[in-house]
Amino acid sequence: MSSTPARLFHFTCSHGAAAIGARGELVPQTRHPMLGCSVIWLTTEGTPDREATGLTSRYTSCDRMAFRYVVTDLGRCRPWLTSPEREAVAPGVVADLEHYGAPEQWWITDGVGARRG
């Protein structure tokens, strides 16, 4: 795994941005259906490919890249590829999640501050 980036990015739709609000706190709202835990997904890419980051709108009408948040305090963030959450999931689930994406760009957190930008 490469070194820790200087910042990470979180993308969301308009109702996700409303839930984040002015405080800029990224807090998981629901359990991920495939992981069985609650995490916030982040990416190393400031202008990511929708497919590689998993931000398509196949199952929702929302533009999941309408708002971008920047995370600079990475103390509570971890790379997906070496996370305990990934290790705890069955290999088939991991394969399904990672099949179309670029998991080397994915990071997760269970909550972190961010600024819009």
Protein backbone atom coordinates (compact mmCIF):
# COMPACT_ATOMS: atom_id res chain seq x y z
CA MET A 1 0.00 0.00 0.00
CA SER A 2 1.29 3.45 -0.80
CA SER A 3 1.83 6.15 1.78
CA THR A 4 -0.97 7.97 3.55
CA PRO A 5 -2.42 10.72 1.35
CA ALA A 6 -2.55 14.35 2.52
CA ARG A 7 -6.33 14.38 2.14
CA LEU A 8 -9.28 12.20 1.23
CA PHE A 9 -12.60 12.98 -0.41
CA HIS A 10 -16.21 12.04 0.27
CA PHE A 11 -18.92 12.55 -2.32
CA THR A 12 -22.66 12.67 -1.75
CA CYS A 13 -25.99 13.73 -3.21
CA SER A 14 -28.06 16.77 -2.17
CA HIS A 15 -29.96 14.99 0.61
CA GLY A 16 -26.68 13.53 1.90
CA ALA A 17 -25.20 17.04 1.96
CA ALA A 18 -28.24 18.26 3.91
CA ALA A 19 -27.67 15.52 6.49
CA ILE A 20 -24.00 16.51 6.82
CA GLY A 21 -25.09 20.10 7.30
CA ALA A 22 -22.95 23.07 8.22
CA ARG A 23 -21.04 21.18 10.94
CA GLY A 24 -19.26 19.09 8.34
CA GLU A 25 -19.36 15.86 10.33
CA LEU A 26 -19.35 12.71 8.25
CA VAL A 27 -21.25 10.13 10.30
CA PRO A 28 -22.56 6.81 8.98
CA GLN A 29 -26.35 6.89 8.61
CA THR A 30 -27.08 3.24 7.86
CA ARG A 31 -25.44 -0.18 7.92
CA HIS A 32 -23.87 -1.20 4.64
CA PRO A 33 -26.02 -4.07 3.34
CA MET A 34 -23.06 -6.16 2.19
CA LEU A 35 -20.69 -5.42 5.09
CA GLY A 36 -23.09 -5.54 8.02
CA CYS A 37 -21.43 -2.49 9.61
CA SER A 38 -21.67 1.27 9.30
CA VAL A 39 -18.86 3.13 7.55
CA ILE A 40 -18.30 6.27 5.52
CA TRP A 41 -16.60 5.66 2.18
CA LEU A 42 -13.78 7.98 1.12
CA THR A 43 -11.51 8.11 -1.91
CA THR A 44 -8.02 9.32 -2.64
CA GLU A 45 -9.28 10.86 -5.89
CA GLY A 46 -10.47 14.49 -5.96
CA THR A 47 -12.23 13.95 -9.29
CA PRO A 48 -12.92 10.23 -9.33
CA ASP A 49 -14.33 8.01 -12.00
CA ARG A 50 -17.92 7.20 -10.97
CA GLU A 51 -17.53 3.51 -11.69
CA ALA A 52 -14.15 3.08 -9.99
CA THR A 53 -15.40 4.80 -6.85
CA GLY A 54 -18.80 3.09 -6.77
CA LEU A 55 -20.71 6.35 -7.19
CA THR A 56 -22.95 5.38 -10.08
CA SER A 57 -26.66 6.08 -9.89
CA ARG A 58 -27.82 2.65 -11.03
CA TYR A 59 -30.08 2.07 -8.04
CA THR A 60 -31.00 5.65 -7.16
CA SER A 61 -31.97 8.82 -8.99
CA CYS A 62 -29.56 10.91 -6.88
CA ASP A 63 -26.37 12.39 -8.28
CA ARG A 64 -24.00 10.77 -5.81
CA MET A 65 -21.19 13.13 -6.84
CA ALA A 66 -23.11 16.42 -6.52
CA PHE A 67 -21.20 17.52 -3.40
CA ARG A 68 -17.58 16.93 -2.46
CA TYR A 69 -16.16 17.00 1.06
CA VAL A 70 -12.46 17.14 1.89
CA VAL A 71 -11.01 15.29 4.87
CA THR A 72 -7.57 16.39 6.08
CA ASP A 73 -7.46 14.80 9.54
CA LEU A 74 -6.96 11.15 8.60
CA GLY A 75 -6.46 9.84 12.14
CA ARG A 76 -9.77 7.92 12.09
CA CYS A 77 -9.51 6.86 8.44
CA ARG A 78 -8.08 3.59 7.13
CA PRO A 79 -7.43 2.07 3.71
CA TRP A 80 -10.18 -0.32 2.69
CA LEU A 81 -7.69 -2.94 1.47
CA THR A 82 -6.12 -3.40 4.91
CA SER A 83 -9.19 -2.67 7.06
CA PRO A 84 -10.60 -5.05 9.67
CA GLU A 85 -14.02 -4.48 8.05
CA ARG A 86 -12.77 -6.01 4.79
CA GLU A 87 -11.14 -8.92 6.64
CA ALA A 88 -14.41 -9.67 8.46
CA VAL A 89 -16.44 -10.10 5.25
CA ALA A 90 -16.67 -13.29 3.22
CA PRO A 91 -14.31 -13.40 0.21
CA GLY A 92 -17.24 -13.55 -2.21
CA VAL A 93 -18.69 -10.33 -0.81
CA VAL A 94 -15.31 -8.63 -1.09
CA ALA A 95 -15.01 -9.81 -4.69
CA ASP A 96 -18.48 -8.45 -5.50
CA LEU A 97 -17.69 -5.07 -3.93
CA GLU A 98 -14.33 -4.70 -5.62
CA HIS A 99 -15.13 -6.24 -9.02
CA TYR A 100 -15.89 -3.05 -10.95
CA GLY A 101 -14.06 -0.54 -8.81
CA ALA A 102 -10.60 0.61 -7.88
CA PRO A 103 -10.37 -0.51 -4.23
CA GLU A 104 -6.81 0.79 -3.91
CA GLN A 105 -8.42 4.27 -3.95
CA TRP A 106 -10.99 3.45 -1.25
CA TRP A 107 -10.69 4.42 2.41
CA ILE A 108 -13.26 4.13 5.21
CA THR A 109 -14.02 5.78 8.53
CA ASP A 110 -16.67 5.47 11.21
CA GLY A 111 -16.86 9.25 11.50
CA VAL A 112 -14.69 12.26 10.72
CA GLY A 113 -14.86 16.01 10.22
CA ALA A 114 -14.79 17.42 6.69
CA ARG A 115 -15.17 20.67 4.84
CA ARG A 116 -17.09 21.17 1.63
CA GLY A 117 -14.86 21.81 -1.32
